[in-house]
């Protein structure tokens, strides 16, 4: 809760004006947002309904700076913006964090957001990076000392966040494979696998729901200091597994598998580019090599099309490799089927398979 006095409002206005003049000609700028989660904070902490409209910083000072310096741009008071009489998660722009449990929980699958402006998932850095900032005697298990908690993202024993994200990360690993792996390297690999699957799932759900859902901003790319966080690249520049998974599902033309419904997975060809063309595709079982679907299809610019459906028995734990060619370039994606827990040996084997899955692209990319 920032001060509301005239002196502070002027400072907020002047700082906003300088920022607007610096950024207003950027080609990617869509709108200005007055704050981050300010409206949501007031609801979450029990303020009276509609109290956020009395926040003079986001309702007076900053919009005045926008009108003075970039009057043709849309202004949104808060992200997410929650008007009077609207429940916290019923607004079109949302921060979809949830409990960070199973990433296919209804909270993530059934979100009504048109635009997901924050969404992410925890992932452990490589063991090599952990050794850079955790003392050897406290390296593993993570409860051997206080170093892990010191480098945990915003772990406050008292205050607004009272849980440990490291404990949460352990729970996520236990959920994924039924246990916390005994070796640090295996723990980091399982944690990164679950993070990678989660953020990939969030992006794919957004793309497959086009135009009902039109965008997602996942959090975040890079750590600014040595820590254990949602970033997909750690402080030392080492890429977590999610970096590769996201790179694959961010390709303008992408083949994806939807969730199981009535024994079947629908296969979606998504095109978020301005180019149309033919796509040759193939979907196979990663372990057996069995081809479940293959063919060619026309991909119209900026549209999604259904390529058909694959029949699967519910609950089968299988990994599918998806390959396609568009405009002479080979691409790859995958889909993990089934419900946790998965066998740790399967996870580690699948990671190795998927790391090498796009070897055909080396001459093209």
Protein backbone atom coordinates (compact mmCIF):
# COMPACT_ATOMS: atom_id res chain seq x y z
CA UNK A 1 0.00 0.00 0.00
CA UNK A 2 1.84 3.06 -1.26
CA UNK A 3 1.36 6.54 0.22
CA UNK A 4 -1.53 8.55 -1.18
CA UNK A 5 -0.37 12.06 -0.25
CA UNK A 6 0.13 14.79 -2.85
CA UNK A 7 3.93 14.69 -2.67
CA UNK A 8 4.10 10.98 -3.40
CA UNK A 9 1.47 11.22 -6.15
CA UNK A 10 3.57 13.85 -7.92
CA UNK A 11 6.62 11.61 -7.70
CA UNK A 12 4.62 8.69 -9.14
CA UNK A 13 3.30 10.92 -11.95
CA UNK A 14 6.75 12.25 -12.84
CA UNK A 15 8.38 8.82 -12.83
CA UNK A 16 5.58 7.43 -15.02
CA UNK A 17 5.95 10.34 -17.44
CA UNK A 18 9.69 9.69 -17.87
CA UNK A 19 9.06 5.97 -18.39
CA UNK A 20 6.32 6.63 -20.96
CA UNK A 21 8.51 9.02 -22.98
CA UNK A 22 11.31 6.45 -22.95
CA UNK A 23 9.15 3.50 -24.08
CA UNK A 24 6.19 4.90 -26.02
CA UNK A 25 7.67 4.29 -29.48
CA UNK A 26 8.58 0.65 -28.86
CA UNK A 27 6.97 -1.49 -31.59
CA UNK A 28 5.81 -4.19 -29.13
CA UNK A 29 4.04 -1.84 -26.73
CA UNK A 30 0.33 -2.68 -26.47
CA UNK A 31 -0.92 -0.90 -23.35
CA UNK A 32 0.14 0.63 -20.06
CA UNK A 33 -0.66 -1.05 -16.73
CA UNK A 34 -0.72 1.03 -13.57
CA UNK A 35 0.64 -1.60 -11.21
CA UNK A 36 1.26 -5.29 -10.68
CA UNK A 37 -1.39 -7.15 -8.65
CA UNK A 38 -2.43 -4.06 -6.71
CA UNK A 39 -6.14 -4.64 -7.23
CA UNK A 40 -5.73 -8.34 -6.49
CA UNK A 41 -3.77 -7.56 -3.32
CA UNK A 42 -6.60 -5.49 -1.89
CA UNK A 43 -9.08 -8.29 -2.50
CA UNK A 44 -6.75 -10.95 -1.15
CA UNK A 45 -6.02 -9.05 2.06
CA UNK A 46 -9.64 -8.31 2.90
CA UNK A 47 -10.18 -4.69 1.90
CA UNK A 48 -13.77 -3.68 1.28
CA UNK A 49 -15.07 -4.45 -2.24
CA UNK A 50 -14.22 -1.70 -4.69
CA UNK A 51 -11.62 -0.18 -2.37
CA UNK A 52 -9.04 -0.39 -5.15
CA UNK A 53 -10.77 2.41 -7.06
CA UNK A 54 -9.58 4.83 -4.35
CA UNK A 55 -5.93 4.09 -5.17
CA UNK A 56 -4.98 7.57 -6.41
CA UNK A 57 -1.70 6.38 -7.91
CA UNK A 58 -3.28 4.07 -10.47
CA UNK A 59 -6.56 5.97 -10.84
CA UNK A 60 -5.23 9.53 -11.03
CA UNK A 61 -1.45 10.07 -11.14
CA UNK A 62 -0.36 7.46 -13.70
CA UNK A 63 -3.34 7.77 -16.10
CA UNK A 64 -2.73 11.53 -16.15
CA UNK A 65 0.86 10.86 -17.22
CA UNK A 66 -0.42 8.53 -19.95
CA UNK A 67 -2.91 11.12 -21.24
CA UNK A 68 -0.19 13.76 -21.34
CA UNK A 69 2.49 11.65 -23.04
CA UNK A 70 0.84 8.75 -24.94
CA UNK A 71 -2.87 9.59 -25.24
CA UNK A 72 -3.72 7.07 -27.98
CA UNK A 73 -2.54 4.07 -25.96
CA UNK A 74 -4.86 1.97 -23.81
CA UNK A 75 -4.41 2.32 -20.05
CA UNK A 76 -5.32 -0.44 -17.58
CA UNK A 77 -5.21 0.54 -13.87
CA UNK A 78 -3.82 -2.77 -12.59
CA UNK A 79 -2.70 -6.18 -13.80
CA UNK A 80 -4.96 -8.00 -13.32
CA UNK A 81 -7.58 -5.22 -13.38
CA UNK A 82 -10.53 -6.11 -11.14
CA UNK A 83 -13.51 -3.72 -11.50
CA UNK A 84 -16.22 -3.33 -8.86
CA UNK A 85 -18.47 -6.33 -8.44
CA UNK A 86 -16.19 -8.78 -10.23
CA UNK A 87 -14.70 -11.83 -8.52
CA UNK A 88 -10.94 -12.14 -8.46
CA UNK A 89 -10.59 -14.81 -11.18
CA UNK A 90 -13.52 -13.81 -13.38
CA UNK A 91 -11.67 -11.06 -15.24
CA UNK A 92 -10.43 -11.48 -18.83
CA UNK A 93 -6.76 -10.85 -17.98
CA UNK A 94 -5.39 -13.07 -15.21
CA UNK A 95 -2.27 -14.20 -13.38
CA UNK A 96 -2.76 -17.98 -13.36
CA UNK A 97 -0.49 -19.23 -10.57
CA UNK A 98 -2.81 -21.31 -8.42
CA UNK A 99 -1.47 -23.84 -5.94
CA UNK A 100 1.35 -24.92 -8.31
CA UNK A 101 0.32 -28.53 -7.77
CA UNK A 102 -0.31 -30.90 -10.72
CA UNK A 103 -0.01 -28.63 -13.73
CA UNK A 104 -3.06 -30.18 -15.38
CA UNK A 105 -5.34 -29.46 -12.41
CA UNK A 106 -8.68 -27.85 -13.25
CA UNK A 107 -7.31 -24.45 -12.17
CA UNK A 108 -4.97 -24.51 -15.18
CA UNK A 109 -7.11 -26.51 -17.61
CA UNK A 110 -10.34 -24.62 -17.01
CA UNK A 111 -9.13 -21.05 -16.62
CA UNK A 112 -11.52 -18.55 -18.22
CA UNK A 113 -8.79 -16.02 -18.97
CA UNK A 114 -8.70 -14.46 -22.41
CA UNK A 115 -5.12 -13.35 -21.78
CA UNK A 116 -2.84 -15.00 -19.21
CA UNK A 117 -0.41 -12.24 -18.29
CA UNK A 118 1.51 -14.29 -15.71
CA UNK A 119 1.93 -18.03 -15.40
CA UNK A 120 4.90 -20.15 -14.42
CA UNK A 121 6.22 -23.12 -12.50
CA UNK A 122 9.15 -23.85 -10.21
CA UNK A 123 12.25 -25.64 -11.48
CA UNK A 124 15.48 -26.60 -9.75
CA UNK A 125 18.75 -25.33 -11.28
CA UNK A 126 21.33 -27.85 -12.46
CA UNK A 127 23.41 -29.44 -9.70
CA UNK A 128 26.43 -27.71 -11.27
CA UNK A 129 24.82 -24.32 -10.64
CA UNK A 130 23.73 -25.23 -7.10
CA UNK A 131 27.35 -26.01 -6.26
CA UNK A 132 28.23 -22.43 -7.23
CA UNK A 133 26.22 -20.91 -4.35
CA UNK A 134 25.33 -23.67 -1.86
CA UNK A 135 28.14 -24.77 0.53
CA UNK A 136 29.19 -28.37 -0.01
CA UNK A 137 28.10 -29.42 3.48
CA UNK A 138 24.58 -28.08 2.87
CA UNK A 139 24.18 -29.14 -0.73
CA UNK A 140 22.11 -32.30 -0.23
CA UNK A 141 19.67 -33.03 1.21
CA UNK A 142 18.40 -29.46 0.94
CA UNK A 143 17.47 -29.44 4.67
CA UNK A 144 21.12 -30.02 5.67
CA UNK A 145 21.47 -26.29 6.41
CA UNK A 146 19.93 -22.91 5.80
CA UNK A 147 21.55 -22.13 2.44
CA UNK A 148 18.67 -23.42 0.30
CA UNK A 149 16.20 -21.25 2.19
CA UNK A 150 18.52 -18.26 1.93
CA UNK A 151 18.43 -18.60 -1.86
CA UNK A 152 14.71 -19.43 -2.06
CA UNK A 153 12.57 -16.92 -3.95
CA UNK A 154 10.95 -14.66 -1.33
CA UNK A 155 10.89 -17.16 1.52
CA UNK A 156 9.68 -15.04 4.41
CA UNK A 157 9.08 -16.84 7.70
CA UNK A 158 6.90 -13.89 8.63
CA UNK A 159 4.99 -11.77 6.18
CA UNK A 160 3.00 -12.17 2.99
CA UNK A 161 4.57 -15.47 1.90
CA UNK A 162 4.89 -18.01 4.68
CA UNK A 163 5.67 -21.18 2.71
CA UNK A 164 8.96 -22.45 1.36
CA UNK A 165 9.15 -22.77 -2.40
CA UNK A 166 11.88 -25.35 -1.91
CA UNK A 167 9.46 -27.53 0.04
CA UNK A 168 6.93 -26.89 -2.72
CA UNK A 169 9.48 -28.00 -5.30
CA UNK A 170 10.07 -31.21 -3.34
CA UNK A 171 6.32 -31.84 -3.22
CA UNK A 172 6.16 -31.32 -7.00
CA UNK A 173 8.96 -33.87 -7.53
CA UNK A 174 7.23 -36.30 -5.17
CA UNK A 175 4.00 -35.81 -7.10
CA UNK A 176 5.73 -36.44 -10.42
CA UNK A 177 7.52 -39.70 -9.51
CA UNK A 178 6.09 -40.77 -6.16
CA UNK A 179 9.23 -39.97 -4.20
CA UNK A 180 11.98 -37.42 -3.74
CA UNK A 181 14.98 -38.77 -5.69
CA UNK A 182 17.95 -39.69 -3.51
CA UNK A 183 20.60 -38.10 -5.73
CA UNK A 184 20.80 -34.34 -6.22
CA UNK A 185 21.29 -34.71 -9.98
CA UNK A 186 18.16 -36.87 -10.28
CA UNK A 187 16.16 -34.45 -8.14
CA UNK A 188 17.18 -31.53 -10.36
CA UNK A 189 16.32 -33.53 -13.49
CA UNK A 190 12.86 -34.55 -12.24
CA UNK A 191 12.11 -31.00 -11.04
CA UNK A 192 13.16 -29.52 -14.37
CA UNK A 193 11.12 -32.11 -16.26
CA UNK A 194 7.96 -31.18 -14.36
CA UNK A 195 8.63 -27.46 -14.82
CA UNK A 196 9.22 -27.95 -18.54
CA UNK A 197 6.04 -30.00 -18.97
CA UNK A 198 4.04 -27.42 -17.02
CA UNK A 199 5.06 -24.30 -18.94
CA UNK A 200 4.78 -26.17 -22.24
CA UNK A 201 1.26 -27.20 -21.27
CA UNK A 202 0.32 -23.60 -20.39
CA UNK A 203 1.51 -22.30 -23.76
CA UNK A 204 -0.13 -25.12 -25.72
CA UNK A 205 -3.47 -24.61 -23.96
CA UNK A 206 -3.31 -20.95 -24.94
CA UNK A 207 -2.50 -21.69 -28.57
CA UNK A 208 -5.15 -24.39 -28.91
CA UNK A 209 -7.88 -22.10 -27.53
CA UNK A 210 -7.29 -19.40 -30.13
CA UNK A 211 -9.22 -17.03 -30.54
CA UNK A 212 -11.01 -17.49 -27.23
CA UNK A 213 -7.59 -17.07 -25.61
CA UNK A 214 -5.14 -14.76 -27.28
CA UNK A 215 -1.88 -14.69 -25.35
CA UNK A 216 0.27 -15.75 -22.44
CA UNK A 217 3.29 -14.26 -20.66
CA UNK A 218 5.15 -16.98 -18.82
CA UNK A 219 7.35 -16.10 -15.86
CA UNK A 220 10.27 -15.95 -16.18
CA UNK A 221 13.33 -16.09 -18.43
CA UNK A 222 16.43 -15.30 -16.37
CA UNK A 223 17.50 -15.13 -12.72
CA UNK A 224 19.12 -11.87 -11.65
CA UNK A 225 21.02 -13.55 -8.79
CA UNK A 226 21.83 -17.10 -7.64
CA UNK A 227 18.52 -18.59 -6.52
CA UNK A 228 15.96 -21.37 -6.90
CA UNK A 229 13.01 -20.01 -8.85
CA UNK A 230 10.57 -20.12 -11.77
CA UNK A 231 13.25 -18.92 -14.23
CA UNK A 232 14.14 -21.16 -17.18
CA UNK A 233 17.74 -19.88 -17.34
CA UNK A 234 19.66 -19.68 -14.06
CA UNK A 235 21.98 -16.91 -12.90
CA UNK A 236 25.02 -18.61 -14.48
CA UNK A 237 23.37 -18.84 -17.88
CA UNK A 238 22.64 -22.56 -17.69
CA UNK A 239 19.39 -23.40 -19.42
CA UNK A 240 16.84 -25.53 -17.64
CA UNK A 241 14.92 -28.11 -19.62
CA UNK A 242 11.98 -25.71 -19.98
CA UNK A 243 14.08 -23.51 -22.27
CA UNK A 244 14.12 -26.22 -24.94
CA UNK A 245 10.48 -27.23 -24.43
CA UNK A 246 9.31 -23.61 -24.76
CA UNK A 247 11.47 -22.95 -27.80
CA UNK A 248 9.76 -25.87 -29.53
CA UNK A 249 6.19 -24.80 -28.74
CA UNK A 250 6.88 -21.17 -29.64
CA UNK A 251 7.46 -22.02 -33.29
CA UNK A 252 4.96 -20.03 -35.41
CA UNK A 253 3.58 -23.27 -36.91
CA UNK A 254 3.22 -25.99 -34.29
CA UNK A 255 1.57 -29.42 -34.01
CA UNK A 256 0.10 -30.16 -30.57
CA UNK A 257 -1.94 -32.86 -28.84
CA UNK A 258 -4.95 -31.83 -26.77
CA UNK A 259 -6.07 -33.46 -23.53
CA UNK A 260 -7.86 -36.80 -23.46
CA UNK A 261 -11.60 -36.63 -24.11
CA UNK A 262 -13.82 -39.63 -24.80
CA UNK A 263 -10.83 -41.97 -25.30
CA UNK A 264 -9.22 -39.61 -27.80
CA UNK A 265 -6.56 -36.92 -28.09
CA UNK A 266 -7.28 -34.33 -30.75
CA UNK A 267 -4.24 -33.24 -32.76
CA UNK A 268 -4.15 -29.51 -33.49
CA UNK A 269 -2.09 -27.74 -36.14
CA UNK A 270 -1.63 -24.19 -34.90
CA UNK A 271 -0.44 -21.39 -37.15
CA UNK A 272 0.32 -18.04 -35.50
CA UNK A 273 2.17 -16.66 -38.50
CA UNK A 274 1.08 -14.71 -41.59
CA UNK A 275 2.26 -17.48 -43.92
CA UNK A 276 0.15 -20.33 -45.25
CA UNK A 277 1.53 -23.61 -46.53
CA UNK A 278 1.54 -27.38 -46.43
CA UNK A 279 2.68 -29.32 -43.39
CA UNK A 280 3.87 -32.94 -43.40
CA UNK A 281 3.57 -34.49 -39.93
CA UNK A 282 4.14 -37.72 -38.00
CA UNK A 283 3.33 -38.80 -34.43
CA UNK A 284 4.98 -41.88 -32.94
CA UNK A 285 5.46 -43.66 -29.61
CA UNK A 286 8.82 -42.61 -28.17
CA UNK A 287 9.62 -46.07 -26.77
CA UNK A 288 8.30 -48.43 -29.46
CA UNK A 289 8.54 -46.26 -32.56
CA UNK A 290 4.94 -47.12 -33.47
CA UNK A 291 3.46 -44.49 -35.79
CA UNK A 292 0.03 -43.42 -34.60
CA UNK A 293 -0.70 -40.69 -37.14
CA UNK A 294 0.95 -39.24 -40.21
CA UNK A 295 -0.03 -37.24 -43.23
CA UNK A 296 -0.04 -33.83 -44.88
CA UNK A 297 -2.32 -30.85 -44.29
CA UNK A 298 -2.73 -27.27 -45.40
CA UNK A 299 -2.00 -24.74 -42.65
CA UNK A 300 -3.82 -21.43 -43.24
CA UNK A 301 -2.16 -18.29 -41.90
CA UNK A 302 -3.14 -17.29 -38.37
CA UNK A 303 -5.57 -20.17 -37.86
CA UNK A 304 -5.82 -23.52 -36.09
CA UNK A 305 -7.00 -26.70 -37.83
CA UNK A 306 -7.72 -30.19 -36.50
CA UNK A 307 -5.63 -33.00 -37.98
CA UNK A 308 -7.75 -35.75 -36.44
CA UNK A 309 -7.76 -37.79 -33.24
CA UNK A 310 -5.64 -40.53 -31.67
CA UNK A 311 -7.39 -43.19 -29.57
CA UNK A 312 -5.66 -43.93 -26.26
CA UNK A 313 -6.65 -45.94 -23.21
CA UNK A 314 -7.09 -43.52 -20.27
CA UNK A 315 -4.26 -43.69 -17.75
CA UNK A 316 -1.61 -45.14 -20.07
CA UNK A 317 1.79 -43.62 -19.33
CA UNK A 318 3.28 -42.95 -22.75
CA UNK A 319 5.43 -40.36 -24.46
CA UNK A 320 4.64 -39.32 -28.03
CA UNK A 321 7.10 -37.63 -30.37
CA UNK A 322 5.53 -35.16 -32.81
CA UNK A 323 7.50 -34.15 -35.91
CA UNK A 324 6.50 -31.94 -38.81
CA UNK A 325 7.99 -30.05 -41.73
CA UNK A 326 6.90 -26.58 -42.81
CA UNK A 327 8.53 -24.46 -45.50
CA UNK A 328 11.47 -26.85 -45.71
CA UNK A 329 12.31 -26.80 -41.98
CA UNK A 330 11.90 -29.74 -39.59
CA UNK A 331 10.31 -29.21 -36.16
CA UNK A 332 9.61 -31.37 -33.13
CA UNK A 333 7.26 -31.38 -30.16
CA UNK A 334 6.02 -34.09 -27.80
CA UNK A 335 3.14 -35.07 -25.55
CA UNK A 336 3.29 -36.85 -22.18
CA UNK A 337 0.22 -38.99 -21.59
CA UNK A 338 -1.04 -40.44 -18.33
CA UNK A 339 -1.35 -39.45 -14.70
CA UNK A 340 1.31 -39.23 -12.00
CA UNK A 341 3.24 -40.76 -10.44
CA UNK A 342 5.59 -41.70 -13.27
CA UNK A 343 8.55 -44.02 -12.79
CA UNK A 344 11.71 -41.99 -12.23
CA UNK A 345 13.64 -44.24 -14.63
CA UNK A 346 11.07 -43.51 -17.35
CA UNK A 347 11.36 -39.76 -16.75
CA UNK A 348 15.15 -39.78 -16.98
CA UNK A 349 15.03 -41.99 -20.09
CA UNK A 350 12.44 -39.75 -21.75
CA UNK A 351 14.54 -36.67 -20.99
CA UNK A 352 17.44 -38.23 -22.88
CA UNK A 353 15.16 -39.15 -25.81
CA UNK A 354 13.66 -35.67 -26.01
CA UNK A 355 16.98 -33.86 -25.78
CA UNK A 356 18.00 -35.63 -28.99
CA UNK A 357 14.60 -35.57 -30.66
CA UNK A 358 15.35 -32.70 -33.04
CA UNK A 359 18.67 -33.98 -34.39
CA UNK A 360 17.18 -33.77 -37.89
CA UNK A 361 17.03 -29.98 -37.57
CA UNK A 362 20.76 -29.33 -37.37
CA UNK A 363 21.07 -28.67 -41.09
CA UNK A 364 17.97 -26.50 -41.14
CA UNK A 365 18.17 -24.22 -38.07
